[in-house]
N, C-alpha and C. Protein backbone atom coordinates (compact mmCIF):
# COMPACT_ATOMS: atom_id res chain seq x y z
N UNK A 1 36.72 -31.51 59.40
CA UNK A 1 38.11 -31.20 59.67
C UNK A 1 38.97 -31.70 58.52
N UNK A 2 40.09 -31.07 58.36
CA UNK A 2 41.03 -31.49 57.31
C UNK A 2 41.53 -32.91 57.57
N UNK A 3 41.73 -33.26 58.84
CA UNK A 3 42.21 -34.60 59.17
C UNK A 3 41.18 -35.66 58.78
N UNK A 4 39.91 -35.39 59.03
CA UNK A 4 38.85 -36.33 58.67
C UNK A 4 38.76 -36.49 57.16
N UNK A 5 38.88 -35.39 56.43
CA UNK A 5 38.82 -35.46 54.97
C UNK A 5 39.99 -36.27 54.42
N UNK A 6 41.17 -36.07 54.98
CA UNK A 6 42.34 -36.81 54.52
C UNK A 6 42.16 -38.31 54.77
N UNK A 7 41.66 -38.67 55.95
CA UNK A 7 41.43 -40.08 56.26
C UNK A 7 40.32 -40.65 55.38
N UNK A 8 39.23 -39.92 55.21
CA UNK A 8 38.11 -40.38 54.38
C UNK A 8 38.56 -40.62 52.95
N UNK A 9 39.39 -39.74 52.42
CA UNK A 9 39.90 -39.89 51.06
C UNK A 9 40.75 -41.15 50.94
N UNK A 10 41.61 -41.38 51.93
CA UNK A 10 42.42 -42.60 51.94
C UNK A 10 41.53 -43.84 51.97
N UNK A 11 40.57 -43.85 52.89
CA UNK A 11 39.71 -45.02 53.05
C UNK A 11 38.86 -45.28 51.80
N UNK A 12 38.41 -44.23 51.15
CA UNK A 12 37.58 -44.38 49.95
C UNK A 12 38.33 -45.10 48.83
N UNK A 13 39.65 -45.02 48.84
CA UNK A 13 40.45 -45.69 47.82
C UNK A 13 41.03 -47.02 48.25
N UNK A 14 40.72 -47.46 49.46
CA UNK A 14 41.30 -48.70 49.99
C UNK A 14 40.52 -49.92 49.47
N UNK A 15 41.22 -50.96 49.02
CA UNK A 15 40.53 -52.13 48.46
C UNK A 15 39.70 -52.93 49.46
N UNK A 16 39.94 -52.80 50.75
CA UNK A 16 39.15 -53.54 51.75
C UNK A 16 38.00 -52.73 52.31
N UNK A 17 37.75 -51.56 51.71
CA UNK A 17 36.66 -50.69 52.16
C UNK A 17 35.54 -50.71 51.13
N UNK A 18 34.34 -50.98 51.60
CA UNK A 18 33.16 -51.01 50.74
C UNK A 18 32.60 -49.61 50.49
N UNK A 19 32.55 -48.79 51.56
CA UNK A 19 31.94 -47.46 51.42
C UNK A 19 32.39 -46.56 52.57
N UNK A 20 32.54 -45.28 52.26
CA UNK A 20 32.86 -44.27 53.27
C UNK A 20 31.73 -43.26 53.29
N UNK A 21 31.22 -42.96 54.47
CA UNK A 21 30.15 -41.97 54.63
C UNK A 21 30.78 -40.71 55.23
N UNK A 22 31.00 -39.70 54.40
CA UNK A 22 31.58 -38.44 54.86
C UNK A 22 31.17 -37.34 53.88
N UNK A 23 30.50 -36.29 54.33
CA UNK A 23 29.99 -35.27 53.41
C UNK A 23 31.08 -34.49 52.68
N UNK A 24 32.32 -34.59 53.12
CA UNK A 24 33.41 -33.91 52.43
C UNK A 24 33.85 -34.61 51.16
N UNK A 25 33.44 -35.84 50.96
CA UNK A 25 33.80 -36.57 49.74
C UNK A 25 32.81 -36.25 48.62
N UNK A 26 33.30 -35.96 47.42
CA UNK A 26 32.39 -35.68 46.30
C UNK A 26 31.41 -36.83 46.02
N UNK A 27 31.76 -38.05 46.39
CA UNK A 27 30.88 -39.21 46.16
C UNK A 27 29.71 -39.26 47.15
N UNK A 28 29.75 -38.49 48.21
CA UNK A 28 28.67 -38.50 49.21
C UNK A 28 27.43 -37.85 48.61
N UNK A 29 26.24 -38.45 48.78
CA UNK A 29 25.02 -37.89 48.18
C UNK A 29 24.67 -36.49 48.67
N UNK A 30 25.14 -36.09 49.82
CA UNK A 30 24.85 -34.76 50.34
C UNK A 30 26.00 -33.78 50.20
N UNK A 31 26.98 -34.12 49.37
CA UNK A 31 28.18 -33.29 49.26
C UNK A 31 27.89 -31.85 48.83
N UNK A 32 27.08 -31.67 47.81
CA UNK A 32 26.80 -30.32 47.30
C UNK A 32 26.08 -29.47 48.35
N UNK A 33 25.13 -30.07 49.04
CA UNK A 33 24.42 -29.35 50.11
C UNK A 33 25.40 -29.01 51.23
N UNK A 34 26.24 -29.96 51.60
CA UNK A 34 27.22 -29.72 52.67
C UNK A 34 28.17 -28.59 52.30
N UNK A 35 28.59 -28.52 51.04
CA UNK A 35 29.47 -27.44 50.60
C UNK A 35 28.82 -26.07 50.79
N UNK A 36 27.52 -26.00 50.54
CA UNK A 36 26.81 -24.73 50.68
C UNK A 36 26.55 -24.37 52.14
N UNK A 37 26.35 -25.36 52.99
CA UNK A 37 25.91 -25.11 54.36
C UNK A 37 27.02 -25.14 55.41
N UNK A 38 28.17 -25.69 55.08
CA UNK A 38 29.22 -25.90 56.08
C UNK A 38 30.52 -25.22 55.66
N UNK A 39 31.22 -24.66 56.63
CA UNK A 39 32.55 -24.12 56.35
C UNK A 39 33.55 -25.28 56.20
N UNK A 40 33.39 -26.31 57.02
CA UNK A 40 34.18 -27.53 56.92
C UNK A 40 33.21 -28.70 57.08
N UNK A 41 33.69 -29.91 56.95
CA UNK A 41 32.79 -31.06 56.90
C UNK A 41 32.73 -31.88 58.18
N UNK A 42 33.38 -31.45 59.23
CA UNK A 42 33.28 -32.13 60.51
C UNK A 42 34.32 -33.21 60.73
N UNK A 43 34.35 -33.70 61.94
CA UNK A 43 35.35 -34.67 62.35
C UNK A 43 34.82 -36.06 62.59
N UNK A 44 33.64 -36.36 62.05
CA UNK A 44 33.09 -37.72 62.19
C UNK A 44 32.82 -38.30 60.81
N UNK A 45 33.07 -39.60 60.70
CA UNK A 45 32.76 -40.31 59.47
C UNK A 45 32.44 -41.75 59.84
N UNK A 46 31.91 -42.47 58.90
CA UNK A 46 31.74 -43.91 59.11
C UNK A 46 32.26 -44.62 57.87
N UNK A 47 32.69 -45.83 58.10
CA UNK A 47 33.29 -46.63 57.04
C UNK A 47 32.72 -48.04 57.11
N UNK A 48 32.35 -48.56 55.96
CA UNK A 48 31.89 -49.94 55.86
C UNK A 48 33.02 -50.75 55.24
N UNK A 49 33.54 -51.70 56.00
CA UNK A 49 34.61 -52.56 55.50
C UNK A 49 33.99 -53.73 54.74
N UNK A 50 34.74 -54.28 53.82
CA UNK A 50 34.26 -55.47 53.10
C UNK A 50 34.26 -56.64 54.08
N UNK A 51 33.14 -57.32 54.17
CA UNK A 51 32.97 -58.40 55.13
C UNK A 51 31.84 -58.07 56.08
N UNK A 52 31.68 -58.86 57.09
CA UNK A 52 30.58 -58.66 58.03
C UNK A 52 31.03 -58.10 59.36
N UNK A 53 30.26 -58.39 60.39
CA UNK A 53 30.51 -57.87 61.73
C UNK A 53 31.87 -58.31 62.26
N UNK A 54 32.22 -59.58 62.07
CA UNK A 54 33.50 -60.08 62.58
C UNK A 54 34.66 -59.34 61.96
N UNK A 55 34.58 -59.08 60.67
CA UNK A 55 35.64 -58.34 59.99
C UNK A 55 35.76 -56.93 60.55
N UNK A 56 34.64 -56.25 60.68
CA UNK A 56 34.65 -54.88 61.20
C UNK A 56 35.18 -54.83 62.63
N UNK A 57 34.73 -55.74 63.47
CA UNK A 57 35.20 -55.76 64.85
C UNK A 57 36.69 -56.10 64.91
N UNK A 58 37.14 -56.96 63.99
CA UNK A 58 38.57 -57.29 63.93
C UNK A 58 39.42 -56.09 63.56
N UNK A 59 38.93 -55.29 62.62
CA UNK A 59 39.65 -54.07 62.24
C UNK A 59 39.75 -53.14 63.45
N UNK A 60 38.64 -52.93 64.13
CA UNK A 60 38.64 -52.05 65.31
C UNK A 60 39.59 -52.57 66.39
N UNK A 61 39.63 -53.88 66.57
CA UNK A 61 40.48 -54.48 67.60
C UNK A 61 41.97 -54.31 67.30
N UNK A 62 42.32 -54.17 66.04
CA UNK A 62 43.73 -54.02 65.65
C UNK A 62 44.23 -52.58 65.74
N UNK A 63 43.33 -51.65 66.00
CA UNK A 63 43.73 -50.24 66.05
C UNK A 63 44.72 -49.99 67.18
N UNK A 64 45.71 -49.14 66.90
CA UNK A 64 46.72 -48.78 67.90
C UNK A 64 46.61 -47.32 68.31
N UNK A 65 46.23 -46.47 67.36
CA UNK A 65 46.10 -45.04 67.64
C UNK A 65 44.67 -44.73 68.07
N UNK A 66 43.71 -45.28 67.35
CA UNK A 66 42.30 -45.09 67.70
C UNK A 66 41.97 -45.87 68.97
N UNK A 67 41.14 -45.29 69.80
CA UNK A 67 40.63 -45.97 70.99
C UNK A 67 39.22 -46.45 70.68
N UNK A 68 38.90 -47.69 71.10
CA UNK A 68 37.54 -48.19 70.91
C UNK A 68 36.66 -47.64 72.02
N UNK A 69 35.80 -46.69 71.64
CA UNK A 69 34.93 -46.03 72.62
C UNK A 69 33.87 -45.23 71.89
N UNK A 70 32.83 -44.84 72.64
CA UNK A 70 31.77 -43.98 72.12
C UNK A 70 31.89 -42.62 72.78
N UNK A 71 32.00 -41.59 71.96
CA UNK A 71 32.07 -40.22 72.47
C UNK A 71 32.01 -39.28 71.28
N UNK A 72 31.82 -38.01 71.54
CA UNK A 72 31.82 -36.99 70.50
C UNK A 72 32.67 -35.82 70.97
N UNK A 73 33.45 -35.25 70.07
CA UNK A 73 34.12 -34.00 70.35
C UNK A 73 35.30 -34.05 71.30
N UNK A 74 35.87 -35.22 71.55
CA UNK A 74 37.03 -35.30 72.42
C UNK A 74 38.31 -34.98 71.66
N UNK A 75 39.43 -35.09 72.36
CA UNK A 75 40.71 -34.80 71.72
C UNK A 75 41.37 -36.03 71.14
N UNK A 76 40.90 -37.23 71.51
CA UNK A 76 41.49 -38.45 70.98
C UNK A 76 40.59 -39.05 69.90
N UNK A 77 41.22 -39.75 68.97
CA UNK A 77 40.47 -40.39 67.89
C UNK A 77 39.86 -41.69 68.40
N UNK A 78 38.59 -41.90 68.03
CA UNK A 78 37.84 -43.05 68.51
C UNK A 78 37.26 -43.85 67.36
N UNK A 79 37.07 -45.14 67.59
CA UNK A 79 36.40 -46.00 66.62
C UNK A 79 35.45 -46.90 67.40
N UNK A 80 34.29 -47.17 66.81
CA UNK A 80 33.35 -48.08 67.46
C UNK A 80 32.61 -48.89 66.40
N UNK A 81 32.28 -50.11 66.78
CA UNK A 81 31.45 -50.96 65.95
C UNK A 81 30.01 -50.69 66.37
N UNK A 82 29.34 -49.87 65.60
CA UNK A 82 28.04 -49.31 65.97
C UNK A 82 26.97 -50.38 66.19
N UNK A 83 26.90 -51.39 65.34
CA UNK A 83 25.85 -52.41 65.45
C UNK A 83 25.94 -53.16 66.78
N UNK A 84 27.14 -53.38 67.28
CA UNK A 84 27.31 -54.06 68.57
C UNK A 84 26.73 -53.24 69.70
N UNK A 85 26.89 -51.94 69.61
CA UNK A 85 26.40 -51.05 70.66
C UNK A 85 24.88 -50.94 70.61
N UNK A 86 24.33 -50.91 69.41
CA UNK A 86 22.88 -50.77 69.26
C UNK A 86 22.14 -52.06 69.57
N UNK A 87 22.78 -53.21 69.39
CA UNK A 87 22.19 -54.48 69.76
C UNK A 87 21.28 -55.09 68.70
N UNK A 88 20.61 -56.16 69.10
CA UNK A 88 19.74 -56.91 68.19
C UNK A 88 18.65 -56.01 67.62
N UNK A 89 18.34 -56.23 66.38
CA UNK A 89 17.29 -55.46 65.73
C UNK A 89 17.75 -54.15 65.12
N UNK A 90 19.03 -53.82 65.25
CA UNK A 90 19.52 -52.58 64.66
C UNK A 90 19.48 -52.64 63.14
N UNK A 91 19.29 -51.51 62.53
CA UNK A 91 19.35 -51.43 61.06
C UNK A 91 20.71 -50.92 60.60
N UNK A 92 21.61 -50.66 61.54
CA UNK A 92 22.97 -50.24 61.19
C UNK A 92 23.68 -51.41 60.53
N UNK A 93 24.35 -51.19 59.41
CA UNK A 93 25.07 -52.29 58.75
C UNK A 93 26.09 -52.94 59.69
N UNK A 94 26.17 -54.26 59.64
CA UNK A 94 27.06 -55.02 60.53
C UNK A 94 28.53 -54.72 60.27
N UNK A 95 28.85 -54.22 59.08
CA UNK A 95 30.25 -53.96 58.72
C UNK A 95 30.65 -52.50 58.90
N UNK A 96 29.84 -51.71 59.60
CA UNK A 96 30.08 -50.28 59.74
C UNK A 96 30.84 -49.94 61.02
N UNK A 97 31.87 -49.10 60.85
CA UNK A 97 32.61 -48.54 61.98
C UNK A 97 32.37 -47.04 62.00
N UNK A 98 32.06 -46.50 63.16
CA UNK A 98 31.92 -45.05 63.30
C UNK A 98 33.24 -44.51 63.84
N UNK A 99 33.70 -43.43 63.24
CA UNK A 99 35.02 -42.89 63.54
C UNK A 99 34.88 -41.42 63.94
N UNK A 100 35.50 -41.06 65.05
CA UNK A 100 35.56 -39.67 65.50
C UNK A 100 37.03 -39.27 65.50
N UNK A 101 37.36 -38.19 64.81
CA UNK A 101 38.74 -37.76 64.63
C UNK A 101 39.15 -36.81 65.75
N UNK A 102 40.29 -37.10 66.36
CA UNK A 102 40.84 -36.26 67.42
C UNK A 102 41.96 -35.37 66.89
N UNK A 103 42.95 -35.14 67.74
CA UNK A 103 44.03 -34.21 67.42
C UNK A 103 45.29 -34.87 66.87
N UNK A 104 45.29 -36.18 66.72
CA UNK A 104 46.47 -36.86 66.21
C UNK A 104 46.77 -36.42 64.77
N UNK A 105 48.01 -36.61 64.37
CA UNK A 105 48.41 -36.28 63.00
C UNK A 105 47.66 -37.20 62.03
N UNK A 106 47.14 -36.66 60.93
CA UNK A 106 46.37 -37.51 60.01
C UNK A 106 47.17 -38.66 59.43
N UNK A 107 48.47 -38.50 59.26
CA UNK A 107 49.28 -39.60 58.75
C UNK A 107 49.31 -40.77 59.73
N UNK A 108 49.28 -40.47 61.02
CA UNK A 108 49.22 -41.53 62.04
C UNK A 108 47.88 -42.27 61.99
N UNK A 109 46.81 -41.53 61.74
CA UNK A 109 45.48 -42.14 61.64
C UNK A 109 45.39 -43.03 60.40
N UNK A 110 45.93 -42.55 59.30
CA UNK A 110 45.94 -43.33 58.06
C UNK A 110 46.76 -44.60 58.24
N UNK A 111 47.92 -44.48 58.85
CA UNK A 111 48.77 -45.65 59.09
C UNK A 111 48.06 -46.65 59.99
N UNK A 112 47.35 -46.17 60.99
CA UNK A 112 46.63 -47.07 61.88
C UNK A 112 45.55 -47.84 61.13
N UNK A 113 44.77 -47.16 60.32
CA UNK A 113 43.76 -47.86 59.53
C UNK A 113 44.42 -48.81 58.53
N UNK A 114 45.51 -48.38 57.94
CA UNK A 114 46.21 -49.21 56.95
C UNK A 114 46.65 -50.54 57.56
N UNK A 115 47.26 -50.48 58.74
CA UNK A 115 47.72 -51.73 59.36
C UNK A 115 46.54 -52.56 59.86
N UNK A 116 45.48 -51.92 60.31
CA UNK A 116 44.31 -52.66 60.81
C UNK A 116 43.54 -53.35 59.69
N UNK A 117 43.57 -52.75 58.51
CA UNK A 117 42.86 -53.33 57.36
C UNK A 117 43.70 -54.38 56.63
N UNK A 118 44.99 -54.46 56.93
CA UNK A 118 45.89 -55.39 56.22
C UNK A 118 45.55 -56.84 56.51
């Protein structure tokens, strides 16, 4: 989705973000394949914040627009700390947040991440 791409682009340039996983970004290892196979790049992305699990969970807790929940394809934007959900022994990075983009205006989503990362 255009909203996901706009948010991913913002996050990729944020100083408190270590890495953004989104096939719409040219830096993504599967970007060229995604361009050939997809009309758009989808409404899900993940972001690794600088720091560990506590930092990532703190960012999620500060969200005002995003709801902390697990779901796919809903109308509201969601964020979850994936490693907490998967539990002990997970190989998911402790600093990773999974993000599902809903129908909110992308500027509101960017502002929410901006204040949560501050």
